[in-house]
Amino acid sequence: MTLNIRDAGPADEAAWRGLWGQYVDFYRAAVPEAVTATTWSRILDPLVPVFCRLAEVEGEIAGFAVGVVHARTWSIEPILYLEDLYVVPRVRGRNIGHALIEDLMALCRHHGWGQLYWHTEGDNARARRLYDRFAPADGYVRYRIAP
């Protein structure tokens, strides 16, 4: 299997949107078109700290990782939040998700970002098997509120 991980570019929009739709469906969510369009626009804007890495398998985009770099109050270095990670079902089990996380860790080292972190649903057993290979869950509980 030939795997290439690279930055998303303008020509990747249709492929990314296809995978994005599958990702949103997996979480049984509804993301308005305006939000999807804005997310894609942010990914491409070099002035916005959102980026997307694409995993190509045999020349076809088969997964993505969307990250947000931000400041932190407990360190000087910025940190990377892995907001979205998705690999198409037909190629799961081939370490593509693992490779995407390794790629993000390499970006952290290259840019001097002090930490990579993410969260997932507690019952997402498949994803947690992957994530547990990197680090144990930290025990924090997330709270969300819409003002």
N, C-alpha and C. Protein backbone atom coordinates (compact mmCIF):
# COMPACT_ATOMS: atom_id res chain seq x y z
N MET A 1 0.84 -1.18 0.00
CA MET A 1 0.00 0.00 0.00
C MET A 1 0.88 1.24 0.00
N THR A 2 0.60 2.16 -0.89
CA THR A 2 1.31 3.43 -0.94
C THR A 2 0.48 4.47 -0.21
N LEU A 3 1.06 5.03 0.87
CA LEU A 3 0.38 6.05 1.67
C LEU A 3 1.17 7.34 1.59
N ASN A 4 0.48 8.43 1.30
CA ASN A 4 1.08 9.75 1.26
C ASN A 4 0.22 10.68 2.11
N ILE A 5 0.83 11.40 3.04
CA ILE A 5 0.09 12.37 3.85
C ILE A 5 0.59 13.76 3.48
N ARG A 6 -0.37 14.64 3.19
CA ARG A 6 -0.01 15.97 2.70
C ARG A 6 -1.06 16.99 3.12
N ASP A 7 -0.71 18.27 2.93
CA ASP A 7 -1.66 19.35 3.18
C ASP A 7 -2.79 19.32 2.15
N ALA A 8 -3.97 19.72 2.57
CA ALA A 8 -5.08 19.88 1.65
C ALA A 8 -4.87 21.14 0.81
N GLY A 9 -5.32 21.09 -0.43
CA GLY A 9 -5.24 22.24 -1.32
C GLY A 9 -6.57 22.49 -1.99
N PRO A 10 -6.71 23.60 -2.71
CA PRO A 10 -7.99 23.95 -3.33
C PRO A 10 -8.60 22.84 -4.18
N ALA A 11 -7.78 22.07 -4.88
CA ALA A 11 -8.30 21.01 -5.76
C ALA A 11 -8.87 19.83 -4.97
N ASP A 12 -8.68 19.79 -3.68
CA ASP A 12 -9.14 18.67 -2.86
C ASP A 12 -10.53 18.87 -2.27
N GLU A 13 -11.17 19.96 -2.57
CA GLU A 13 -12.43 20.27 -1.90
C GLU A 13 -13.48 19.18 -2.07
N ALA A 14 -13.72 18.71 -3.28
CA ALA A 14 -14.77 17.71 -3.49
C ALA A 14 -14.47 16.42 -2.72
N ALA A 15 -13.24 15.97 -2.77
CA ALA A 15 -12.88 14.75 -2.04
C ALA A 15 -13.03 14.95 -0.53
N TRP A 16 -12.55 16.10 -0.03
CA TRP A 16 -12.68 16.37 1.39
C TRP A 16 -14.14 16.44 1.81
N ARG A 17 -14.95 17.11 1.01
CA ARG A 17 -16.37 17.22 1.34
C ARG A 17 -17.04 15.84 1.40
N GLY A 18 -16.66 14.95 0.50
CA GLY A 18 -17.21 13.60 0.52
C GLY A 18 -16.88 12.89 1.83
N LEU A 19 -15.61 12.96 2.24
CA LEU A 19 -15.20 12.34 3.50
C LEU A 19 -15.81 13.07 4.69
N TRP A 20 -15.87 14.39 4.62
CA TRP A 20 -16.46 15.18 5.69
C TRP A 20 -17.91 14.75 5.93
N GLY A 21 -18.65 14.56 4.86
CA GLY A 21 -20.04 14.12 4.98
C GLY A 21 -20.15 12.77 5.67
N GLN A 22 -19.25 11.84 5.33
CA GLN A 22 -19.24 10.53 5.98
C GLN A 22 -18.91 10.68 7.47
N TYR A 23 -17.96 11.54 7.77
CA TYR A 23 -17.54 11.78 9.15
C TYR A 23 -18.69 12.34 9.98
N VAL A 24 -19.37 13.33 9.45
CA VAL A 24 -20.50 13.94 10.14
C VAL A 24 -21.61 12.90 10.33
N ASP A 25 -21.87 12.09 9.31
CA ASP A 25 -22.88 11.04 9.42
C ASP A 25 -22.52 10.04 10.51
N PHE A 26 -21.24 9.69 10.62
CA PHE A 26 -20.80 8.75 11.65
C PHE A 26 -21.20 9.24 13.04
N TYR A 27 -21.07 10.54 13.27
CA TYR A 27 -21.42 11.11 14.56
C TYR A 27 -22.91 11.47 14.66
N ARG A 28 -23.70 11.07 13.66
CA ARG A 28 -25.15 11.32 13.66
C ARG A 28 -25.43 12.81 13.88
N ALA A 29 -24.66 13.62 13.20
CA ALA A 29 -24.76 15.07 13.37
C ALA A 29 -25.25 15.71 12.07
N ALA A 30 -25.61 16.95 12.18
CA ALA A 30 -25.98 17.76 11.01
C ALA A 30 -25.15 19.03 11.07
N VAL A 31 -24.34 19.24 10.06
CA VAL A 31 -23.52 20.44 9.98
C VAL A 31 -24.05 21.25 8.80
N PRO A 32 -24.53 22.46 9.05
CA PRO A 32 -25.06 23.28 7.96
C PRO A 32 -24.02 23.53 6.88
N GLU A 33 -24.48 23.68 5.65
CA GLU A 33 -23.59 23.93 4.51
C GLU A 33 -22.72 25.15 4.75
N ALA A 34 -23.25 26.18 5.36
CA ALA A 34 -22.45 27.39 5.63
C ALA A 34 -21.27 27.08 6.53
N VAL A 35 -21.45 26.17 7.49
CA VAL A 35 -20.37 25.79 8.39
C VAL A 35 -19.33 24.97 7.64
N THR A 36 -19.79 24.02 6.82
CA THR A 36 -18.86 23.22 6.02
C THR A 36 -18.05 24.11 5.09
N ALA A 37 -18.70 25.04 4.41
CA ALA A 37 -18.00 25.95 3.49
C ALA A 37 -17.00 26.81 4.26
N THR A 38 -17.38 27.29 5.42
CA THR A 38 -16.47 28.11 6.22
C THR A 38 -15.29 27.30 6.72
N THR A 39 -15.55 26.06 7.13
CA THR A 39 -14.46 25.19 7.58
C THR A 39 -13.46 24.98 6.46
N TRP A 40 -13.95 24.70 5.26
CA TRP A 40 -13.04 24.50 4.12
C TRP A 40 -12.26 25.79 3.84
N SER A 41 -12.93 26.92 3.89
CA SER A 41 -12.27 28.20 3.67
C SER A 41 -11.18 28.44 4.72
N ARG A 42 -11.46 28.11 5.96
CA ARG A 42 -10.46 28.26 7.02
C ARG A 42 -9.25 27.36 6.79
N ILE A 43 -9.50 26.14 6.34
CA ILE A 43 -8.41 25.20 6.07
C ILE A 43 -7.44 25.78 5.06
N LEU A 44 -7.98 26.47 4.06
CA LEU A 44 -7.14 27.00 2.99
C LEU A 44 -6.51 28.35 3.31
N ASP A 45 -7.00 29.03 4.33
CA ASP A 45 -6.54 30.38 4.65
C ASP A 45 -5.28 30.31 5.51
N PRO A 46 -4.14 30.76 5.00
CA PRO A 46 -2.90 30.67 5.79
C PRO A 46 -2.89 31.56 7.02
N LEU A 47 -3.84 32.48 7.13
CA LEU A 47 -3.90 33.37 8.30
C LEU A 47 -4.77 32.79 9.42
N VAL A 48 -5.43 31.68 9.15
CA VAL A 48 -6.28 31.04 10.15
C VAL A 48 -5.55 29.80 10.66
N PRO A 49 -5.53 29.56 11.97
CA PRO A 49 -4.74 28.45 12.52
C PRO A 49 -5.42 27.08 12.41
N VAL A 50 -6.21 26.88 11.37
CA VAL A 50 -6.87 25.60 11.09
C VAL A 50 -6.20 25.02 9.85
N PHE A 51 -5.91 23.72 9.90
CA PHE A 51 -5.32 23.09 8.72
C PHE A 51 -5.84 21.67 8.59
N CYS A 52 -5.65 21.09 7.41
CA CYS A 52 -6.09 19.73 7.15
C CYS A 52 -4.97 18.96 6.48
N ARG A 53 -4.71 17.78 7.01
CA ARG A 53 -3.77 16.84 6.39
C ARG A 53 -4.60 15.72 5.78
N LEU A 54 -4.28 15.38 4.55
CA LEU A 54 -4.99 14.34 3.82
C LEU A 54 -4.13 13.09 3.71
N ALA A 55 -4.75 11.94 3.85
CA ALA A 55 -4.08 10.66 3.64
C ALA A 55 -4.52 10.11 2.30
N GLU A 56 -3.57 9.96 1.40
CA GLU A 56 -3.83 9.37 0.09
C GLU A 56 -3.34 7.93 0.10
N VAL A 57 -4.21 7.03 -0.33
CA VAL A 57 -3.86 5.62 -0.46
C VAL A 57 -4.00 5.28 -1.94
N GLU A 58 -2.89 4.88 -2.53
CA GLU A 58 -2.86 4.56 -3.96
C GLU A 58 -3.45 5.70 -4.78
N GLY A 59 -3.15 6.94 -4.39
CA GLY A 59 -3.58 8.12 -5.14
C GLY A 59 -4.99 8.60 -4.83
N GLU A 60 -5.73 7.91 -3.96
CA GLU A 60 -7.09 8.31 -3.62
C GLU A 60 -7.12 8.81 -2.17
N ILE A 61 -7.81 9.92 -1.94
CA ILE A 61 -7.90 10.46 -0.58
C ILE A 61 -8.79 9.53 0.24
N ALA A 62 -8.21 9.01 1.32
CA ALA A 62 -8.89 8.00 2.12
C ALA A 62 -9.04 8.42 3.58
N GLY A 63 -8.57 9.59 3.94
CA GLY A 63 -8.70 10.03 5.32
C GLY A 63 -8.20 11.44 5.48
N PHE A 64 -8.54 12.02 6.63
CA PHE A 64 -8.09 13.38 6.92
C PHE A 64 -7.93 13.59 8.41
N ALA A 65 -7.14 14.59 8.74
CA ALA A 65 -7.01 15.09 10.11
C ALA A 65 -7.10 16.61 10.02
N VAL A 66 -8.01 17.19 10.79
CA VAL A 66 -8.15 18.65 10.85
C VAL A 66 -7.67 19.09 12.22
N GLY A 67 -6.72 20.02 12.22
CA GLY A 67 -6.14 20.50 13.46
C GLY A 67 -6.29 22.00 13.62
N VAL A 68 -6.26 22.43 14.87
CA VAL A 68 -6.32 23.85 15.21
C VAL A 68 -5.16 24.14 16.17
N VAL A 69 -4.29 25.06 15.79
CA VAL A 69 -3.17 25.46 16.63
C VAL A 69 -3.63 26.65 17.46
N HIS A 70 -3.37 26.60 18.76
CA HIS A 70 -3.79 27.71 19.60
C HIS A 70 -2.84 27.92 20.78
N ALA A 71 -2.93 29.11 21.35
CA ALA A 71 -2.14 29.45 22.53
C ALA A 71 -2.70 28.70 23.73
N ARG A 72 -1.87 28.64 24.76
CA ARG A 72 -2.25 27.95 25.98
C ARG A 72 -1.77 28.78 27.17
N THR A 73 -2.50 28.74 28.26
CA THR A 73 -2.12 29.51 29.44
C THR A 73 -1.10 28.79 30.31
N TRP A 74 -0.89 27.50 30.12
CA TRP A 74 0.02 26.74 30.97
C TRP A 74 1.36 26.48 30.33
N SER A 75 1.61 27.07 29.17
CA SER A 75 2.91 26.93 28.52
C SER A 75 3.12 28.10 27.57
N ILE A 76 4.35 28.28 27.18
CA ILE A 76 4.67 29.34 26.22
C ILE A 76 4.35 28.87 24.80
N GLU A 77 4.65 27.60 24.53
CA GLU A 77 4.47 27.07 23.18
C GLU A 77 2.99 26.91 22.86
N PRO A 78 2.61 27.17 21.61
CA PRO A 78 1.24 26.86 21.21
C PRO A 78 1.05 25.34 21.21
N ILE A 79 -0.20 24.92 21.18
CA ILE A 79 -0.50 23.50 21.15
C ILE A 79 -1.44 23.19 19.99
N LEU A 80 -1.53 21.92 19.66
CA LEU A 80 -2.34 21.48 18.52
C LEU A 80 -3.51 20.65 19.01
N TYR A 81 -4.70 21.07 18.66
CA TYR A 81 -5.92 20.32 18.94
C TYR A 81 -6.32 19.58 17.68
N LEU A 82 -6.37 18.27 17.75
CA LEU A 82 -6.86 17.44 16.65
C LEU A 82 -8.38 17.43 16.77
N GLU A 83 -9.03 18.25 15.96
CA GLU A 83 -10.48 18.38 16.07
C GLU A 83 -11.21 17.26 15.35
N ASP A 84 -10.72 16.86 14.19
CA ASP A 84 -11.42 15.86 13.40
C ASP A 84 -10.42 14.88 12.80
N LEU A 85 -10.72 13.60 12.91
CA LEU A 85 -9.91 12.54 12.31
C LEU A 85 -10.87 11.53 11.70
N TYR A 86 -10.65 11.21 10.43
CA TYR A 86 -11.55 10.25 9.76
C TYR A 86 -10.78 9.46 8.73
N VAL A 87 -11.05 8.17 8.69
CA VAL A 87 -10.52 7.27 7.68
C VAL A 87 -11.70 6.49 7.11
N VAL A 88 -11.78 6.38 5.79
CA VAL A 88 -12.91 5.68 5.17
C VAL A 88 -12.90 4.22 5.61
N PRO A 89 -14.09 3.66 5.83
CA PRO A 89 -14.17 2.29 6.36
C PRO A 89 -13.42 1.23 5.54
N ARG A 90 -13.41 1.34 4.24
CA ARG A 90 -12.81 0.27 3.42
C ARG A 90 -11.30 0.13 3.58
N VAL A 91 -10.63 1.15 4.16
CA VAL A 91 -9.18 1.05 4.37
C VAL A 91 -8.80 1.08 5.85
N ARG A 92 -9.78 1.01 6.73
CA ARG A 92 -9.46 0.98 8.15
C ARG A 92 -8.71 -0.32 8.47
N GLY A 93 -7.90 -0.26 9.48
CA GLY A 93 -7.11 -1.43 9.86
C GLY A 93 -5.76 -1.48 9.15
N ARG A 94 -5.47 -0.47 8.35
CA ARG A 94 -4.19 -0.40 7.63
C ARG A 94 -3.26 0.65 8.23
N ASN A 95 -3.53 1.07 9.44
CA ASN A 95 -2.70 2.04 10.17
C ASN A 95 -2.71 3.45 9.58
N ILE A 96 -3.75 3.80 8.84
CA ILE A 96 -3.83 5.15 8.26
C ILE A 96 -4.12 6.17 9.35
N GLY A 97 -5.03 5.87 10.26
CA GLY A 97 -5.29 6.78 11.38
C GLY A 97 -4.04 6.96 12.22
N HIS A 98 -3.33 5.87 12.46
CA HIS A 98 -2.07 5.92 13.21
C HIS A 98 -1.07 6.82 12.49
N ALA A 99 -0.97 6.66 11.17
CA ALA A 99 -0.04 7.47 10.39
C ALA A 99 -0.41 8.95 10.42
N LEU A 100 -1.70 9.26 10.41
CA LEU A 100 -2.13 10.67 10.49
C LEU A 100 -1.73 11.28 11.83
N ILE A 101 -1.90 10.53 12.92
CA ILE A 101 -1.50 11.05 14.23
C ILE A 101 0.01 11.20 14.31
N GLU A 102 0.74 10.22 13.80
CA GLU A 102 2.21 10.33 13.76
C GLU A 102 2.64 11.56 12.96
N ASP A 103 1.95 11.82 11.86
CA ASP A 103 2.24 13.01 11.04
C ASP A 103 2.02 14.29 11.85
N LEU A 104 0.94 14.33 12.62
CA LEU A 104 0.67 15.51 13.45
C LEU A 104 1.74 15.67 14.53
N MET A 105 2.18 14.57 15.09
CA MET A 105 3.25 14.64 16.09
C MET A 105 4.53 15.19 15.46
N ALA A 106 4.82 14.77 14.24
CA ALA A 106 6.00 15.29 13.54
C ALA A 106 5.86 16.79 13.28
N LEU A 107 4.66 17.24 12.92
CA LEU A 107 4.42 18.67 12.73
C LEU A 107 4.63 19.42 14.04
N CYS A 108 4.17 18.85 15.15
CA CYS A 108 4.38 19.48 16.46
C CYS A 108 5.87 19.66 16.74
N ARG A 109 6.63 18.62 16.50
CA ARG A 109 8.08 18.71 16.74
C ARG A 109 8.71 19.75 15.80
N HIS A 110 8.31 19.74 14.55
CA HIS A 110 8.88 20.66 13.56
C HIS A 110 8.59 22.12 13.90
N HIS A 111 7.35 22.40 14.32
CA HIS A 111 6.94 23.78 14.59
C HIS A 111 7.15 24.22 16.03
N GLY A 112 7.54 23.30 16.92
CA GLY A 112 7.72 23.64 18.32
C GLY A 112 6.42 23.76 19.09
N TRP A 113 5.35 23.10 18.60
CA TRP A 113 4.10 23.08 19.33
C TRP A 113 4.26 22.13 20.51
N GLY A 114 3.84 22.54 21.70
CA GLY A 114 4.15 21.82 22.92
C GLY A 114 3.30 20.60 23.21
N GLN A 115 2.19 20.42 22.51
CA GLN A 115 1.31 19.30 22.84
C GLN A 115 0.35 19.05 21.68
N LEU A 116 -0.02 17.79 21.53
CA LEU A 116 -1.10 17.38 20.64
C LEU A 116 -2.15 16.74 21.52
N TYR A 117 -3.41 17.16 21.36
CA TYR A 117 -4.48 16.56 22.15
C TYR A 117 -5.74 16.45 21.33
N TRP A 118 -6.66 15.59 21.80
CA TRP A 118 -7.94 15.39 21.14
C TRP A 118 -8.89 14.74 22.13
N HIS A 119 -10.14 14.61 21.71
CA HIS A 119 -11.11 13.86 22.50
C HIS A 119 -12.00 13.06 21.55
N THR A 120 -12.69 12.08 22.09
CA THR A 120 -13.63 11.29 21.31
C THR A 120 -14.76 10.85 22.23
N GLU A 121 -15.79 10.29 21.64
CA GLU A 121 -16.89 9.77 22.44
C GLU A 121 -16.40 8.56 23.23
N GLY A 122 -16.87 8.44 24.46
CA GLY A 122 -16.44 7.36 25.33
C GLY A 122 -16.72 5.97 24.78
N ASP A 123 -17.78 5.84 23.99
CA ASP A 123 -18.13 4.52 23.46
C ASP A 123 -17.60 4.27 22.04
N ASN A 124 -16.72 5.14 21.57
CA ASN A 124 -16.12 4.95 20.24
C ASN A 124 -14.94 3.97 20.38
N ALA A 125 -15.26 2.69 20.56
CA ALA A 125 -14.26 1.67 20.90
C ALA A 125 -13.17 1.55 19.84
N ARG A 126 -13.53 1.60 18.58
CA ARG A 126 -12.52 1.44 17.52
C ARG A 126 -11.49 2.57 17.58
N ALA A 127 -11.97 3.80 17.68
CA ALA A 127 -11.06 4.94 17.75
C ALA A 127 -10.23 4.88 19.03
N ARG A 128 -10.85 4.49 20.11
CA ARG A 128 -10.12 4.45 21.39
C ARG A 128 -9.01 3.40 21.38
N ARG A 129 -9.21 2.30 20.64
CA ARG A 129 -8.13 1.32 20.52
C ARG A 129 -6.91 1.96 19.85
N LEU A 130 -7.15 2.78 18.84
CA LEU A 130 -6.06 3.50 18.19
C LEU A 130 -5.44 4.50 19.15
N TYR A 131 -6.26 5.33 19.76
CA TYR A 131 -5.76 6.40 20.61
C TYR A 131 -5.00 5.87 21.82
N ASP A 132 -5.46 4.76 22.37
CA ASP A 132 -4.79 4.17 23.53
C ASP A 132 -3.39 3.68 23.20
N ARG A 133 -3.08 3.49 21.92
CA ARG A 133 -1.72 3.11 21.52
C ARG A 133 -0.76 4.29 21.69
N PHE A 134 -1.29 5.50 21.72
CA PHE A 134 -0.46 6.70 21.88
C PHE A 134 -0.34 7.13 23.34
N ALA A 135 -1.46 7.11 24.05
CA ALA A 135 -1.48 7.57 25.44
C ALA A 135 -2.79 7.13 26.08
N PRO A 136 -2.79 6.96 27.39
CA PRO A 136 -4.06 6.65 28.05
C PRO A 136 -4.95 7.90 28.09
N ALA A 137 -6.25 7.68 28.15
CA ALA A 137 -7.17 8.81 28.34
C ALA A 137 -6.82 9.51 29.65
N ASP A 138 -6.96 10.82 29.68
CA ASP A 138 -6.48 11.58 30.83
C ASP A 138 -7.50 11.75 31.95
N GLY A 139 -8.70 11.27 31.77
CA GLY A 139 -9.68 11.33 32.85
C GLY A 139 -10.48 12.61 32.93
N TYR A 140 -10.18 13.58 32.07
CA TYR A 140 -10.95 14.82 32.10
C TYR A 140 -12.35 14.59 31.55
N VAL A 141 -13.30 15.34 32.06
CA VAL A 141 -14.67 15.29 31.60
C VAL A 141 -14.94 16.62 30.89
N ARG A 142 -15.54 16.54 29.73
CA ARG A 142 -15.79 17.73 28.93
C ARG A 142 -17.19 18.27 29.22
N TYR A 143 -17.30 19.58 29.32
CA TYR A 143 -18.59 20.27 29.46
C TYR A 143 -18.75 21.19 28.27
N ARG A 144 -19.96 21.24 27.74
CA ARG A 144 -20.23 22.13 26.62
C ARG A 144 -21.50 22.90 26.91
N ILE A 145 -21.49 24.17 26.56
CA ILE A 145 -22.68 25.01 26.77
C ILE A 145 -22.80 25.96 25.60
N ALA A 146 -24.00 26.12 25.13
CA ALA A 146 -24.27 27.08 24.06
C ALA A 146 -24.82 28.35 24.71
N PRO A 147 -24.11 29.46 24.59
CA PRO A 147 -24.59 30.70 25.24
C PRO A 147 -25.85 31.24 24.59
